[in-house]
Amino acid sequence: MKITNIKLIGLWAIVFLTFTSFGAYAEETQSDSTINSDQVDGRVEESKGAVKEITGKILDDKGMEIEGNVQKNLGKAQAGFGDLKKEIKDDIKKDN
């Protein structure tokens, strides 16, 4: 397994894009009332899993790739649960 400059540049680009997307998400949610910990934790885990999955692909490490995919999907589910909790809370506020 040889790590080339192209693989390293690709990995750094993925990490950079992942963390810059956090800023876009934070800016988007500032207009909303509040975010809950499930939303934040889920999106963090989803991003970490995506980075781990792509790193596994770049390094030809199937175990890391699968672990990243699982972590990404668990984070996506947790974020979805947090989004649902927020929607329910917002609907309750509207009704009152």
PDB file of N, CA and C in Angstrom:
ATOM      1  N   MET A   1       0.852  -1.174   0.000  1.00  0.00           N
ATOM      2  CA  MET A   1       0.000   0.000   0.000  1.00  0.00           C
ATOM      3  C   MET A   1       0.891   1.227   0.000  1.00  0.00           C
ATOM      4  N   LYS A   2       0.885   1.917  -1.115  1.00  0.00           N
ATOM      5  CA  LYS A   2       1.728   3.097  -1.263  1.00  0.00           C
ATOM      6  C   LYS A   2       0.858   4.347  -1.226  1.00  0.00           C
ATOM      7  N   ILE A   3       1.196   5.255  -0.349  1.00  0.00           N
ATOM      8  CA  ILE A   3       0.464   6.515  -0.256  1.00  0.00           C
ATOM      9  C   ILE A   3       1.162   7.521  -1.153  1.00  0.00           C
ATOM     10  N   THR A   4       0.450   7.987  -2.143  1.00  0.00           N
ATOM     11  CA  THR A   4       1.028   8.942  -3.077  1.00  0.00           C
ATOM     12  C   THR A   4       0.600  10.352  -2.694  1.00  0.00           C
ATOM     13  N   ASN A   5       1.237  11.316  -3.320  1.00  0.00           N
ATOM     14  CA  ASN A   5       0.886  12.722  -3.070  1.00  0.00           C
ATOM     15  C   ASN A   5      -0.554  13.008  -3.472  1.00  0.00           C
ATOM     16  N   ILE A   6      -1.015  12.370  -4.531  1.00  0.00           N
ATOM     17  CA  ILE A   6      -2.394  12.597  -4.988  1.00  0.00           C
ATOM     18  C   ILE A   6      -3.376  12.110  -3.929  1.00  0.00           C
ATOM     19  N   LYS A   7      -3.104  10.960  -3.321  1.00  0.00           N
ATOM     20  CA  LYS A   7      -3.979  10.450  -2.270  1.00  0.00           C
ATOM     21  C   LYS A   7      -3.975  11.383  -1.063  1.00  0.00           C
ATOM     22  N   LEU A   8      -2.809  11.886  -0.693  1.00  0.00           N
ATOM     23  CA  LEU A   8      -2.735  12.801   0.451  1.00  0.00           C
ATOM     24  C   LEU A   8      -3.462  14.111   0.167  1.00  0.00           C
ATOM     25  N   ILE A   9      -3.308  14.623  -1.040  1.00  0.00           N
ATOM     26  CA  ILE A   9      -4.012  15.863  -1.407  1.00  0.00           C
ATOM     27  C   ILE A   9      -5.521  15.630  -1.386  1.00  0.00           C
ATOM     28  N   GLY A  10      -5.957  14.484  -1.901  1.00  0.00           N
ATOM     29  CA  GLY A  10      -7.382  14.155  -1.882  1.00  0.00           C
ATOM     30  C   GLY A  10      -7.919  14.041  -0.465  1.00  0.00           C
ATOM     31  N   LEU A  11      -7.142  13.413   0.404  1.00  0.00           N
ATOM     32  CA  LEU A  11      -7.554  13.268   1.801  1.00  0.00           C
ATOM     33  C   LEU A  11      -7.671  14.626   2.475  1.00  0.00           C
ATOM     34  N   TRP A  12      -6.693  15.487   2.274  1.00  0.00           N
ATOM     35  CA  TRP A  12      -6.747  16.827   2.876  1.00  0.00           C
ATOM     36  C   TRP A  12      -7.918  17.635   2.319  1.00  0.00           C
ATOM     37  N   ALA A  13      -8.202  17.470   1.041  1.00  0.00           N
ATOM     38  CA  ALA A  13      -9.335  18.184   0.445  1.00  0.00           C
ATOM     39  C   ALA A  13     -10.646  17.727   1.077  1.00  0.00           C
ATOM     40  N   ILE A  14     -10.781  16.442   1.320  1.00  0.00           N
ATOM     41  CA  ILE A  14     -11.998  15.905   1.936  1.00  0.00           C
ATOM     42  C   ILE A  14     -12.152  16.427   3.355  1.00  0.00           C
ATOM     43  N   VAL A  15     -11.072  16.405   4.110  1.00  0.00           N
ATOM     44  CA  VAL A  15     -11.117  16.908   5.486  1.00  0.00           C
ATOM     45  C   VAL A  15     -11.477  18.391   5.488  1.00  0.00           C
ATOM     46  N   PHE A  16     -10.872  19.158   4.604  1.00  0.00           N
ATOM     47  CA  PHE A  16     -11.150  20.594   4.524  1.00  0.00           C
ATOM     48  C   PHE A  16     -12.614  20.851   4.182  1.00  0.00           C
ATOM     49  N   LEU A  17     -13.127  20.161   3.181  1.00  0.00           N
ATOM     50  CA  LEU A  17     -14.522  20.367   2.777  1.00  0.00           C
ATOM     51  C   LEU A  17     -15.499  19.935   3.861  1.00  0.00           C
ATOM     52  N   THR A  18     -15.145  18.893   4.581  1.00  0.00           N
ATOM     53  CA  THR A  18     -16.016  18.437   5.665  1.00  0.00           C
ATOM     54  C   THR A  18     -16.132  19.497   6.749  1.00  0.00           C
ATOM     55  N   PHE A  19     -15.000  20.056   7.146  1.00  0.00           N
ATOM     56  CA  PHE A  19     -15.038  21.032   8.228  1.00  0.00           C
ATOM     57  C   PHE A  19     -15.570  22.385   7.783  1.00  0.00           C
ATOM     58  N   THR A  20     -15.420  22.734   6.514  1.00  0.00           N
ATOM     59  CA  THR A  20     -16.040  23.979   6.058  1.00  0.00           C
ATOM     60  C   THR A  20     -17.552  23.826   5.969  1.00  0.00           C
ATOM     61  N   SER A  21     -18.030  22.599   5.769  1.00  0.00           N
ATOM     62  CA  SER A  21     -19.483  22.397   5.745  1.00  0.00           C
ATOM     63  C   SER A  21     -20.085  22.603   7.132  1.00  0.00           C
ATOM     64  N   PHE A  22     -19.293  22.394   8.202  1.00  0.00           N
ATOM     65  CA  PHE A  22     -19.780  22.692   9.542  1.00  0.00           C
ATOM     66  C   PHE A  22     -20.150  24.158   9.662  1.00  0.00           C
ATOM     67  N   GLY A  23     -19.320  25.041   9.095  1.00  0.00           N
ATOM     68  CA  GLY A  23     -19.597  26.474   9.152  1.00  0.00           C
ATOM     69  C   GLY A  23     -20.885  26.813   8.438  1.00  0.00           C
ATOM     70  N   ALA A  24     -21.119  26.188   7.286  1.00  0.00           N
ATOM     71  CA  ALA A  24     -22.357  26.440   6.545  1.00  0.00           C
ATOM     72  C   ALA A  24     -23.562  25.954   7.331  1.00  0.00           C
ATOM     73  N   TYR A  25     -23.435  24.792   7.977  1.00  0.00           N
ATOM     74  CA  TYR A  25     -24.534  24.273   8.782  1.00  0.00           C
ATOM     75  C   TYR A  25     -24.804  25.185   9.972  1.00  0.00           C
ATOM     76  N   ALA A  26     -23.757  25.641  10.625  1.00  0.00           N
ATOM     77  CA  ALA A  26     -23.925  26.514  11.791  1.00  0.00           C
ATOM     78  C   ALA A  26     -24.593  27.814  11.385  1.00  0.00           C
ATOM     79  N   GLU A  27     -24.210  28.355  10.243  1.00  0.00           N
ATOM     80  CA  GLU A  27     -24.811  29.608   9.771  1.00  0.00           C
ATOM     81  C   GLU A  27     -26.278  29.391   9.414  1.00  0.00           C
ATOM     82  N   GLU A  28     -26.582  28.256   8.815  1.00  0.00           N
ATOM     83  CA  GLU A  28     -27.955  27.936   8.443  1.00  0.00           C
ATOM     84  C   GLU A  28     -28.848  27.798   9.666  1.00  0.00           C
ATOM     85  N   THR A  29     -28.333  27.192  10.721  1.00  0.00           N
ATOM     86  CA  THR A  29     -29.158  26.942  11.891  1.00  0.00           C
ATOM     87  C   THR A  29     -29.243  28.139  12.826  1.00  0.00           C
ATOM     88  N   GLN A  30     -28.435  29.170  12.607  1.00  0.00           N
ATOM     89  CA  GLN A  30     -28.539  30.353  13.449  1.00  0.00           C
ATOM     90  C   GLN A  30     -29.890  31.026  13.273  1.00  0.00           C
ATOM     91  N   SER A  31     -30.447  30.937  12.087  1.00  0.00           N
ATOM     92  CA  SER A  31     -31.745  31.561  11.866  1.00  0.00           C
ATOM     93  C   SER A  31     -32.858  30.776  12.567  1.00  0.00           C
ATOM     94  N   ASP A  32     -32.641  29.497  12.793  1.00  0.00           N
ATOM     95  CA  ASP A  32     -33.609  28.683  13.527  1.00  0.00           C
ATOM     96  C   ASP A  32     -33.551  29.048  15.003  1.00  0.00           C
ATOM     97  N   SER A  33     -34.557  28.611  15.743  1.00  0.00           N
ATOM     98  CA  SER A  33     -34.613  28.967  17.160  1.00  0.00           C
ATOM     99  C   SER A  33     -33.445  28.359  17.933  1.00  0.00           C
ATOM    100  N   THR A  34     -33.385  27.070  18.033  1.00  0.00           N
ATOM    101  CA  THR A  34     -32.281  26.404  18.725  1.00  0.00           C
ATOM    102  C   THR A  34     -32.037  25.056  18.077  1.00  0.00           C
ATOM    103  N   ILE A  35     -30.865  24.523  18.321  1.00  0.00           N
ATOM    104  CA  ILE A  35     -30.582  23.174  17.856  1.00  0.00           C
ATOM    105  C   ILE A  35     -30.338  22.316  19.084  1.00  0.00           C
ATOM    106  N   ASN A  36     -30.621  21.042  18.955  1.00  0.00           N
ATOM    107  CA  ASN A  36     -30.435  20.173  20.109  1.00  0.00           C
ATOM    108  C   ASN A  36     -29.154  19.356  19.951  1.00  0.00           C
ATOM    109  N   SER A  37     -28.776  18.721  21.024  1.00  0.00           N
ATOM    110  CA  SER A  37     -27.495  18.006  21.039  1.00  0.00           C
ATOM    111  C   SER A  37     -27.498  16.816  20.086  1.00  0.00           C
ATOM    112  N   ASP A  38     -28.661  16.203  19.854  1.00  0.00           N
ATOM    113  CA  ASP A  38     -28.704  15.085  18.916  1.00  0.00           C
ATOM    114  C   ASP A  38     -28.392  15.539  17.498  1.00  0.00           C
ATOM    115  N   GLN A  39     -28.854  16.729  17.130  1.00  0.00           N
ATOM    116  CA  GLN A  39     -28.555  17.254  15.807  1.00  0.00           C
ATOM    117  C   GLN A  39     -27.054  17.496  15.652  1.00  0.00           C
ATOM    118  N   VAL A  40     -26.461  18.132  16.624  1.00  0.00           N
ATOM    119  CA  VAL A  40     -25.041  18.464  16.552  1.00  0.00           C
ATOM    120  C   VAL A  40     -24.193  17.195  16.602  1.00  0.00           C
ATOM    121  N   ASP A  41     -24.435  16.354  17.596  1.00  0.00           N
ATOM    122  CA  ASP A  41     -23.646  15.133  17.746  1.00  0.00           C
ATOM    123  C   ASP A  41     -23.787  14.224  16.523  1.00  0.00           C
ATOM    124  N   GLY A  42     -24.994  14.138  16.000  1.00  0.00           N
ATOM    125  CA  GLY A  42     -25.226  13.290  14.836  1.00  0.00           C
ATOM    126  C   GLY A  42     -24.477  13.775  13.616  1.00  0.00           C
ATOM    127  N   ARG A  43     -24.491  15.079  13.389  1.00  0.00           N
ATOM    128  CA  ARG A  43     -23.797  15.609  12.213  1.00  0.00           C
ATOM    129  C   ARG A  43     -22.276  15.521  12.364  1.00  0.00           C
ATOM    130  N   VAL A  44     -21.792  15.654  13.585  1.00  0.00           N
ATOM    131  CA  VAL A  44     -20.356  15.485  13.828  1.00  0.00           C
ATOM    132  C   VAL A  44     -19.952  14.039  13.547  1.00  0.00           C
ATOM    133  N   GLU A  45     -20.726  13.091  14.071  1.00  0.00           N
ATOM    134  CA  GLU A  45     -20.422  11.680  13.838  1.00  0.00           C
ATOM    135  C   GLU A  45     -20.544  11.322  12.356  1.00  0.00           C
ATOM    136  N   GLU A  46     -21.528  11.906  11.691  1.00  0.00           N
ATOM    137  CA  GLU A  46     -21.706  11.658  10.263  1.00  0.00           C
ATOM    138  C   GLU A  46     -20.490  12.142   9.477  1.00  0.00           C
ATOM    139  N   SER A  47     -19.989  13.314   9.826  1.00  0.00           N
ATOM    140  CA  SER A  47     -18.814  13.852   9.141  1.00  0.00           C
ATOM    141  C   SER A  47     -17.564  13.035   9.445  1.00  0.00           C
ATOM    142  N   LYS A  48     -17.393  12.656  10.712  1.00  0.00           N
ATOM    143  CA  LYS A  48     -16.235  11.835  11.068  1.00  0.00           C
ATOM    144  C   LYS A  48     -16.288  10.495  10.346  1.00  0.00           C
ATOM    145  N   GLY A  49     -17.466   9.927  10.249  1.00  0.00           N
ATOM    146  CA  GLY A  49     -17.615   8.662   9.546  1.00  0.00           C
ATOM    147  C   GLY A  49     -17.314   8.789   8.066  1.00  0.00           C
ATOM    148  N   ALA A  50     -17.753   9.898   7.457  1.00  0.00           N
ATOM    149  CA  ALA A  50     -17.480  10.113   6.034  1.00  0.00           C
ATOM    150  C   ALA A  50     -15.983  10.241   5.783  1.00  0.00           C
ATOM    151  N   VAL A  51     -15.297  10.980   6.656  1.00  0.00           N
ATOM    152  CA  VAL A  51     -13.852  11.130   6.512  1.00  0.00           C
ATOM    153  C   VAL A  51     -13.168   9.770   6.683  1.00  0.00           C
ATOM    154  N   LYS A  52     -13.609   9.004   7.666  1.00  0.00           N
ATOM    155  CA  LYS A  52     -13.009   7.690   7.912  1.00  0.00           C
ATOM    156  C   LYS A  52     -13.270   6.750   6.732  1.00  0.00           C
ATOM    157  N   GLU A  53     -14.478   6.817   6.178  1.00  0.00           N
ATOM    158  CA  GLU A  53     -14.817   5.964   5.046  1.00  0.00           C
ATOM    159  C   GLU A  53     -13.947   6.292   3.829  1.00  0.00           C
ATOM    160  N   ILE A  54     -13.803   7.558   3.537  1.00  0.00           N
ATOM    161  CA  ILE A  54     -13.007   7.967   2.373  1.00  0.00           C
ATOM    162  C   ILE A  54     -11.524   7.687   2.607  1.00  0.00           C
ATOM    163  N   THR A  55     -11.076   7.866   3.843  1.00  0.00           N
ATOM    164  CA  THR A  55      -9.690   7.527   4.169  1.00  0.00           C
ATOM    165  C   THR A  55      -9.456   6.039   3.941  1.00  0.00           C
ATOM    166  N   GLY A  56     -10.406   5.217   4.332  1.00  0.00           N
ATOM    167  CA  GLY A  56     -10.299   3.781   4.096  1.00  0.00           C
ATOM    168  C   GLY A  56     -10.234   3.451   2.617  1.00  0.00           C
ATOM    169  N   LYS A  57     -11.015   4.168   1.808  1.00  0.00           N
ATOM    170  CA  LYS A  57     -10.969   3.948   0.357  1.00  0.00           C
ATOM    171  C   LYS A  57      -9.608   4.346  -0.202  1.00  0.00           C
ATOM    172  N   ILE A  58      -9.110   5.497   0.246  1.00  0.00           N
ATOM    173  CA  ILE A  58      -7.830   5.983  -0.265  1.00  0.00           C
ATOM    174  C   ILE A  58      -6.691   5.049   0.129  1.00  0.00           C
ATOM    175  N   LEU A  59      -6.738   4.554   1.357  1.00  0.00           N
ATOM    176  CA  LEU A  59      -5.665   3.696   1.858  1.00  0.00           C
ATOM    177  C   LEU A  59      -5.897   2.215   1.561  1.00  0.00           C
ATOM    178  N   ASP A  60      -6.978   1.903   0.844  1.00  0.00           N
ATOM    179  CA  ASP A  60      -7.346   0.517   0.533  1.00  0.00           C
ATOM    180  C   ASP A  60      -7.496  -0.327   1.797  1.00  0.00           C
ATOM    181  N   ASP A  61      -8.121   0.246   2.813  1.00  0.00           N
ATOM    182  CA  ASP A  61      -8.354  -0.441   4.083  1.00  0.00           C
ATOM    183  C   ASP A  61      -9.859  -0.686   4.204  1.00  0.00           C
ATOM    184  N   LYS A  62     -10.297  -1.892   3.854  1.00  0.00           N
ATOM    185  CA  LYS A  62     -11.730  -2.217   3.851  1.00  0.00           C
ATOM    186  C   LYS A  62     -12.355  -2.101   5.237  1.00  0.00           C
ATOM    187  N   GLY A  63     -11.610  -2.492   6.268  1.00  0.00           N
ATOM    188  CA  GLY A  63     -12.135  -2.407   7.628  1.00  0.00           C
ATOM    189  C   GLY A  63     -12.449  -0.976   8.024  1.00  0.00           C
ATOM    190  N   MET A  64     -11.532  -0.060   7.725  1.00  0.00           N
ATOM    191  CA  MET A  64     -11.746   1.356   8.042  1.00  0.00           C
ATOM    192  C   MET A  64     -12.891   1.921   7.213  1.00  0.00           C
ATOM    193  N   GLU A  65     -12.977   1.492   5.965  1.00  0.00           N
ATOM    194  CA  GLU A  65     -14.045   1.964   5.084  1.00  0.00           C
ATOM    195  C   GLU A  65     -15.417   1.543   5.612  1.00  0.00           C
ATOM    196  N   ILE A  66     -15.538   0.302   6.033  1.00  0.00           N
ATOM    197  CA  ILE A  66     -16.811  -0.204   6.570  1.00  0.00           C
ATOM    198  C   ILE A  66     -17.136   0.479   7.892  1.00  0.00           C
ATOM    199  N   GLU A  67     -16.133   0.621   8.753  1.00  0.00           N
ATOM    200  CA  GLU A  67     -16.342   1.291  10.037  1.00  0.00           C
ATOM    201  C   GLU A  67     -16.803   2.735   9.832  1.00  0.00           C
ATOM    202  N   GLY A  68     -16.207   3.418   8.868  1.00  0.00           N
ATOM    203  CA  GLY A  68     -16.618   4.791   8.567  1.00  0.00           C
ATOM    204  C   GLY A  68     -18.037   4.857   8.032  1.00  0.00           C
ATOM    205  N   ASN A  69     -18.394   3.899   7.187  1.00  0.00           N
ATOM    206  CA  ASN A  69     -19.748   3.865   6.634  1.00  0.00           C
ATOM    207  C   ASN A  69     -20.778   3.666   7.732  1.00  0.00           C
ATOM    208  N   VAL A  70     -20.490   2.750   8.660  1.00  0.00           N
ATOM    209  CA  VAL A  70     -21.407   2.506   9.782  1.00  0.00           C
ATOM    210  C   VAL A  70     -21.517   3.759  10.652  1.00  0.00           C
ATOM    211  N   GLN A  71     -20.370   4.374  10.975  1.00  0.00           N
ATOM    212  CA  GLN A  71     -20.371   5.579  11.808  1.00  0.00           C
ATOM    213  C   GLN A  71     -21.133   6.712  11.129  1.00  0.00           C
ATOM    214  N   LYS A  72     -20.957   6.846   9.809  1.00  0.00           N
ATOM    215  CA  LYS A  72     -21.658   7.886   9.053  1.00  0.00           C
ATOM    216  C   LYS A  72     -23.165   7.676   9.110  1.00  0.00           C
ATOM    217  N   ASN A  73     -23.603   6.434   8.918  1.00  0.00           N
ATOM    218  CA  ASN A  73     -25.040   6.152   8.923  1.00  0.00           C
ATOM    219  C   ASN A  73     -25.656   6.282  10.315  1.00  0.00           C
ATOM    220  N   LEU A  74     -24.918   5.898  11.350  1.00  0.00           N
ATOM    221  CA  LEU A  74     -25.420   6.101  12.712  1.00  0.00           C
ATOM    222  C   LEU A  74     -25.548   7.596  13.025  1.00  0.00           C
ATOM    223  N   GLY A  75     -24.575   8.373  12.580  1.00  0.00           N
ATOM    224  CA  GLY A  75     -24.647   9.820  12.776  1.00  0.00           C
ATOM    225  C   GLY A  75     -25.815  10.431  12.033  1.00  0.00           C
ATOM    226  N   LYS A  76     -26.063   9.941  10.822  1.00  0.00           N
ATOM    227  CA  LYS A  76     -27.191  10.429  10.023  1.00  0.00           C
ATOM    228  C   LYS A  76     -28.510  10.125  10.731  1.00  0.00           C
ATOM    229  N   ALA A  77     -28.604   8.943  11.316  1.00  0.00           N
ATOM    230  CA  ALA A  77     -29.824   8.564  12.043  1.00  0.00           C
ATOM    231  C   ALA A  77     -30.003   9.426  13.290  1.00  0.00           C
ATOM    232  N   GLN A  78     -28.913   9.666  14.013  1.00  0.00           N
ATOM    233  CA  GLN A  78     -28.996  10.493  15.216  1.00  0.00           C
ATOM    234  C   GLN A  78     -29.381  11.932  14.862  1.00  0.00           C
ATOM    235  N   ALA A  79     -28.815  12.456  13.783  1.00  0.00           N
ATOM    236  CA  ALA A  79     -29.165  13.812  13.355  1.00  0.00           C
ATOM    237  C   ALA A  79     -30.632  13.877  12.928  1.00  0.00           C
ATOM    238  N   GLY A  80     -31.107  12.840  12.248  1.00  0.00           N
ATOM    239  CA  GLY A  80     -32.508  12.793  11.851  1.00  0.00           C
ATOM    240  C   GLY A  80     -33.433  12.750  13.056  1.00  0.00           C
ATOM    241  N   PHE A  81     -33.033  11.999  14.076  1.00  0.00           N
ATOM    242  CA  PHE A  81     -33.804  11.959  15.314  1.00  0.00           C
ATOM    243  C   PHE A  81     -33.846  13.341  15.962  1.00  0.00           C
ATOM    244  N   GLY A  82     -32.708  14.032  15.974  1.00  0.00           N
ATOM    245  CA  GLY A  82     -32.657  15.386  16.531  1.00  0.00           C
ATOM    246  C   GLY A  82     -33.517  16.355  15.739  1.00  0.00           C
ATOM    247  N   ASP A  83     -33.503  16.210  14.400  1.00  0.00           N
ATOM    248  CA  ASP A  83     -34.349  17.063  13.559  1.00  0.00           C
ATOM    249  C   ASP A  83     -35.823  16.828  13.861  1.00  0.00           C
ATOM    250  N   LEU A  84     -36.190  15.561  14.043  1.00  0.00           N
ATOM    251  CA  LEU A  84     -37.580  15.226  14.356  1.00  0.00           C
ATOM    252  C   LEU A  84     -37.993  15.810  15.704  1.00  0.00           C
ATOM    253  N   LYS A  85     -37.112  15.697  16.707  1.00  0.00           N
ATOM    254  CA  LYS A  85     -37.415  16.276  18.018  1.00  0.00           C
ATOM    255  C   LYS A  85     -37.629  17.784  17.903  1.00  0.00           C
ATOM    256  N   LYS A  86     -36.794  18.447  17.114  1.00  0.00           N
ATOM    257  CA  LYS A  86     -36.905  19.895  16.951  1.00  0.00           C
ATOM    258  C   LYS A  86     -38.216  20.266  16.253  1.00  0.00           C
ATOM    259  N   GLU A  87     -38.574  19.510  15.211  1.00  0.00           N
ATOM    260  CA  GLU A  87     -39.823  19.783  14.506  1.00  0.00           C
ATOM    261  C   GLU A  87     -41.032  19.627  15.428  1.00  0.00           C
ATOM    262  N   ILE A  88     -41.024  18.588  16.235  1.00  0.00           N
ATOM    263  CA  ILE A  88     -42.132  18.372  17.176  1.00  0.00           C
ATOM    264  C   ILE A  88     -42.196  19.515  18.177  1.00  0.00           C
ATOM    265  N   LYS A  89     -41.036  19.919  18.688  1.00  0.00           N
ATOM    266  CA  LYS A  89     -40.991  21.013  19.659  1.00  0.00           C
ATOM    267  C   LYS A  89     -41.485  22.323  19.024  1.00  0.00           C
ATOM    268  N   ASP A  90     -41.075  22.579  17.778  1.00  0.00           N
ATOM    269  CA  ASP A  90     -41.518  23.782  17.097  1.00  0.00           C
ATOM    270  C   ASP A  90     -43.019  23.757  16.813  1.00  0.00           C
ATOM    271  N   ASP A  91     -43.561  22.587  16.462  1.00  0.00           N
ATOM    272  CA  ASP A  91     -44.993  22.464  16.211  1.00  0.00           C
ATOM    273  C   ASP A  91     -45.797  22.697  17.499  1.00  0.00           C
ATOM    274  N   ILE A  92     -45.276  22.216  18.606  1.00  0.00           N
ATOM    275  CA  ILE A  92     -45.948  22.426  19.887  1.00  0.00           C
ATOM    276  C   ILE A  92     -45.957  23.909  20.232  1.00  0.00           C
ATOM    277  N   LYS A  93     -44.859  24.605  19.964  1.00  0.00           N
ATOM    278  CA  LYS A  93     -44.790  26.053  20.218  1.00  0.00           C
ATOM    279  C   LYS A  93     -45.779  26.803  19.349  1.00  0.00           C
ATOM    280  N   LYS A  94     -45.930  26.386  18.092  1.00  0.00           N
ATOM    281  CA  LYS A  94     -46.868  27.052  17.173  1.00  0.00           C
ATOM    282  C   LYS A  94     -48.306  26.878  17.642  1.00  0.00           C
ATOM    283  N   ASP A  95     -48.622  25.695  18.172  1.00  0.00           N
ATOM    284  CA  ASP A  95     -49.988  25.416  18.603  1.00  0.00           C
ATOM    285  C   ASP A  95     -50.374  26.199  19.856  1.00  0.00           C
ATOM    286  N   ASN A  96     -49.383  26.551  20.661  1.00  0.00           N
ATOM    287  CA  ASN A  96     -49.681  27.270  21.912  1.00  0.00           C
ATOM    288  C   ASN A  96     -49.780  28.708  21.683  1.00  0.00           C
TER     289      ASN A  96
END
